[in-house]
Amino acid sequence: MADPARARKLAKRIAQIVASGLEHEVKDPRLAMVTITDAKVTADLRDATVYYTVFGDATDRAATAAALESAKGVLRGMVGQGTGVRFTPTLTFVADTVPEDARRIHDLLAKAREADAEVARLAAGAEPAGEPDPYKAPRDEDEDEETEGTGRA
C-alpha cells in the first residue's frame, strides 16, 4: 500500500507526461483537440486512469478514444521512462464528463433565472389576500396600564 500523497504526485506526473507525449511525440491527427484534465492512480500504484476532454462532436470523441487506445503502449513507455517507478502503471483513458455537466448546470441555472424573473414579474402587481399586516402588533405599556383599571384584559 503506497502513501496517498505519493499516489497523488504520481498521478499528477502521469498527467503531465501523457499530455506532453500527446503534444510532442504521438503524431496522430485524431489527437489534435485532446486535453488531459486529470489522472488518478490506484493505492497500489498499478493502474492509472487518465481523464481527457475532446473539442468536437460525438464522432470526434469516438475517433479520439480509438486513437488513445492505439497510442496507449507508446504513452505507457513514456510514463515508465518519466516516472522511474519499479512497476509502470497500466493506463486507462476515460472521457471526462465535466464540460458536459457544466453545460447542463449552466442551462439549468438559466432556466431557474427565467423562472425567478417570471415569479418576480407576477409578484410586482400582486396584493396580499388578507390584511396587509396579518400579525397583531405588540401592545404598548401605556395601553396595558389603561386596560387594568377598566376591568378589561
Protein backbone atom coordinates (compact mmCIF):
# COMPACT_ATOMS: atom_id res chain seq x y z
CA MET A 1 0.00 0.00 0.00
CA ALA A 2 1.55 3.28 -1.10
CA ASP A 3 1.30 6.62 0.59
CA PRO A 4 -1.75 8.60 -0.69
CA ALA A 5 0.44 11.67 -1.16
CA ARG A 6 2.81 9.64 -3.33
CA ALA A 7 -0.10 8.35 -5.39
CA ARG A 8 -1.34 11.94 -5.95
CA LYS A 9 2.14 13.09 -7.00
CA LEU A 10 2.48 10.15 -9.37
CA ALA A 11 -0.95 10.82 -10.85
CA LYS A 12 -0.07 14.46 -11.46
CA ARG A 13 3.23 13.47 -13.08
CA ILE A 14 1.48 10.88 -15.27
CA ALA A 15 -0.99 13.52 -16.47
CA GLN A 16 1.91 15.83 -17.39
CA ILE A 17 3.82 13.10 -19.21
CA VAL A 18 0.77 11.93 -21.17
CA ALA A 19 -0.17 15.50 -22.15
CA SER A 20 3.38 16.24 -23.25
CA GLY A 21 3.57 12.95 -25.14
CA LEU A 22 0.31 13.64 -26.98
CA GLU A 23 1.53 17.10 -27.91
CA HIS A 24 5.09 16.28 -28.99
CA GLU A 25 5.57 12.56 -29.61
CA VAL A 26 2.36 10.95 -30.86
CA LYS A 27 1.66 12.09 -34.40
CA ASP A 28 -2.00 11.21 -34.83
CA PRO A 29 -4.31 13.89 -36.27
CA ARG A 30 -7.23 12.46 -34.29
CA LEU A 31 -5.48 13.61 -31.11
CA ALA A 32 -5.21 17.27 -32.14
CA MET A 33 -8.09 18.51 -29.95
CA VAL A 34 -7.42 16.44 -26.79
CA THR A 35 -6.87 17.96 -23.37
CA ILE A 36 -5.73 15.85 -20.45
CA THR A 37 -7.72 17.07 -17.45
CA ASP A 38 -6.77 14.72 -14.62
CA ALA A 39 -5.25 11.40 -13.66
CA LYS A 40 -5.92 9.03 -10.77
CA VAL A 41 -3.69 6.22 -9.57
CA THR A 42 -4.82 3.27 -7.50
CA ALA A 43 -3.42 2.88 -4.00
CA ASP A 44 -1.06 0.09 -5.11
CA LEU A 45 0.28 2.30 -7.97
CA ARG A 46 -0.51 -0.42 -10.52
CA ASP A 47 -3.29 1.24 -12.53
CA ALA A 48 -3.71 4.82 -13.69
CA THR A 49 -6.88 6.35 -15.07
CA VAL A 50 -6.29 9.35 -17.31
CA TYR A 51 -9.22 11.70 -17.91
CA TYR A 52 -9.44 13.72 -21.12
CA THR A 53 -11.77 16.06 -22.96
CA VAL A 54 -12.22 16.49 -26.69
CA PHE A 55 -13.41 19.55 -28.53
CA GLY A 56 -15.87 18.35 -31.14
CA ASP A 57 -18.90 16.18 -31.70
CA ALA A 58 -19.59 12.52 -30.96
CA THR A 59 -17.64 11.27 -33.98
CA ASP A 60 -14.58 13.25 -32.88
CA ARG A 61 -14.87 11.79 -29.39
CA ALA A 62 -15.12 8.24 -30.77
CA ALA A 63 -12.11 8.78 -33.06
CA THR A 64 -10.10 10.23 -30.19
CA ALA A 65 -10.95 7.27 -27.94
CA ALA A 66 -9.73 4.88 -30.64
CA ALA A 67 -6.54 6.90 -31.17
CA LEU A 68 -5.79 6.93 -27.45
CA GLU A 69 -6.24 3.16 -27.28
CA SER A 70 -3.82 2.70 -30.17
CA ALA A 71 -1.24 5.06 -28.60
CA LYS A 72 -1.57 3.51 -25.13
CA GLY A 73 1.63 1.44 -25.41
CA VAL A 74 3.78 4.36 -26.51
CA LEU A 75 2.36 6.57 -23.78
CA ARG A 76 2.87 3.88 -21.13
CA GLY A 77 6.51 3.58 -22.19
CA MET A 78 6.90 7.34 -21.82
CA VAL A 79 5.30 7.19 -18.37
CA GLY A 80 7.73 4.42 -17.36
CA GLN A 81 10.73 6.47 -18.50
CA GLY A 82 9.44 9.69 -16.96
CA THR A 83 8.44 8.42 -13.53
CA GLY A 84 11.15 5.92 -12.65
CA VAL A 85 8.82 3.70 -10.62
CA ARG A 86 9.52 -0.02 -10.31
CA PHE A 87 6.26 -1.04 -12.00
CA THR A 88 4.85 1.20 -14.74
CA PRO A 89 1.11 1.58 -14.18
CA THR A 90 -1.32 0.45 -16.84
CA LEU A 91 -3.14 3.35 -18.48
CA THR A 92 -6.89 3.58 -18.89
CA PHE A 93 -8.35 6.56 -20.77
CA VAL A 94 -11.75 7.87 -19.71
CA ALA A 95 -13.62 10.74 -21.32
CA ASP A 96 -14.12 13.49 -18.74
CA THR A 97 -17.77 14.49 -18.35
CA VAL A 98 -17.09 17.76 -16.53
CA PRO A 99 -17.64 20.02 -19.59
CA GLU A 100 -20.99 18.39 -20.38
CA ASP A 101 -22.02 18.54 -16.72
CA ALA A 102 -21.00 22.20 -16.52
CA ARG A 103 -23.01 22.98 -19.65
CA ARG A 104 -26.04 21.17 -18.23
CA ILE A 105 -25.76 23.03 -14.92
CA HIS A 106 -25.41 26.32 -16.81
CA ASP A 107 -28.63 25.56 -18.73
CA LEU A 108 -30.45 24.63 -15.51
CA LEU A 109 -29.32 27.87 -13.86
CA ALA A 110 -30.55 29.86 -16.87
CA LYS A 111 -33.96 28.18 -16.57
CA ALA A 112 -34.04 28.95 -12.84
CA ARG A 113 -33.22 32.63 -13.53
CA GLU A 114 -36.04 32.79 -16.06
CA ALA A 115 -38.48 31.22 -13.59
CA ASP A 116 -37.36 33.66 -10.86
CA ALA A 117 -37.87 36.58 -13.23
CA GLU A 118 -41.37 35.31 -14.06
CA VAL A 119 -42.25 35.00 -10.36
CA ALA A 120 -40.89 38.50 -9.69
CA ARG A 121 -42.93 39.87 -12.60
CA LEU A 122 -46.11 38.24 -11.27
CA ALA A 123 -45.39 39.38 -7.71
CA ALA A 124 -44.81 43.01 -8.73
CA GLY A 125 -48.53 43.75 -9.17
CA ALA A 126 -49.85 41.36 -6.55
CA GLU A 127 -51.67 42.40 -3.39
CA PRO A 128 -52.00 40.40 -0.17
CA ALA A 129 -55.11 38.22 0.06
CA GLY A 130 -55.91 39.27 3.62
CA GLU A 131 -54.86 42.18 5.74
CA PRO A 132 -51.61 43.91 4.78
CA ASP A 133 -50.19 43.04 8.23
CA PRO A 134 -51.80 39.78 9.43
CA TYR A 135 -49.85 39.74 12.68
CA LYS A 136 -51.10 41.55 15.77
CA ALA A 137 -48.94 44.43 16.75
CA PRO A 138 -47.46 44.20 20.26
CA ARG A 139 -49.29 46.31 22.80
CA ASP A 140 -47.57 49.30 24.34
CA GLU A 141 -47.10 49.58 28.08
CA ASP A 142 -49.39 52.64 28.13
CA GLU A 143 -52.25 50.56 26.76
CA ASP A 144 -51.65 47.88 29.43
CA GLU A 145 -51.98 50.43 32.26
CA GLU A 146 -55.20 51.84 30.80
CA THR A 147 -56.85 48.43 30.49
CA GLU A 148 -56.01 47.38 34.07
CA GLY A 149 -58.29 49.97 35.65
CA THR A 150 -61.24 49.28 33.33
CA GLY A 151 -61.51 45.61 34.08
CA ARG A 152 -60.71 44.59 30.53
CA ALA A 153 -57.97 42.17 29.98
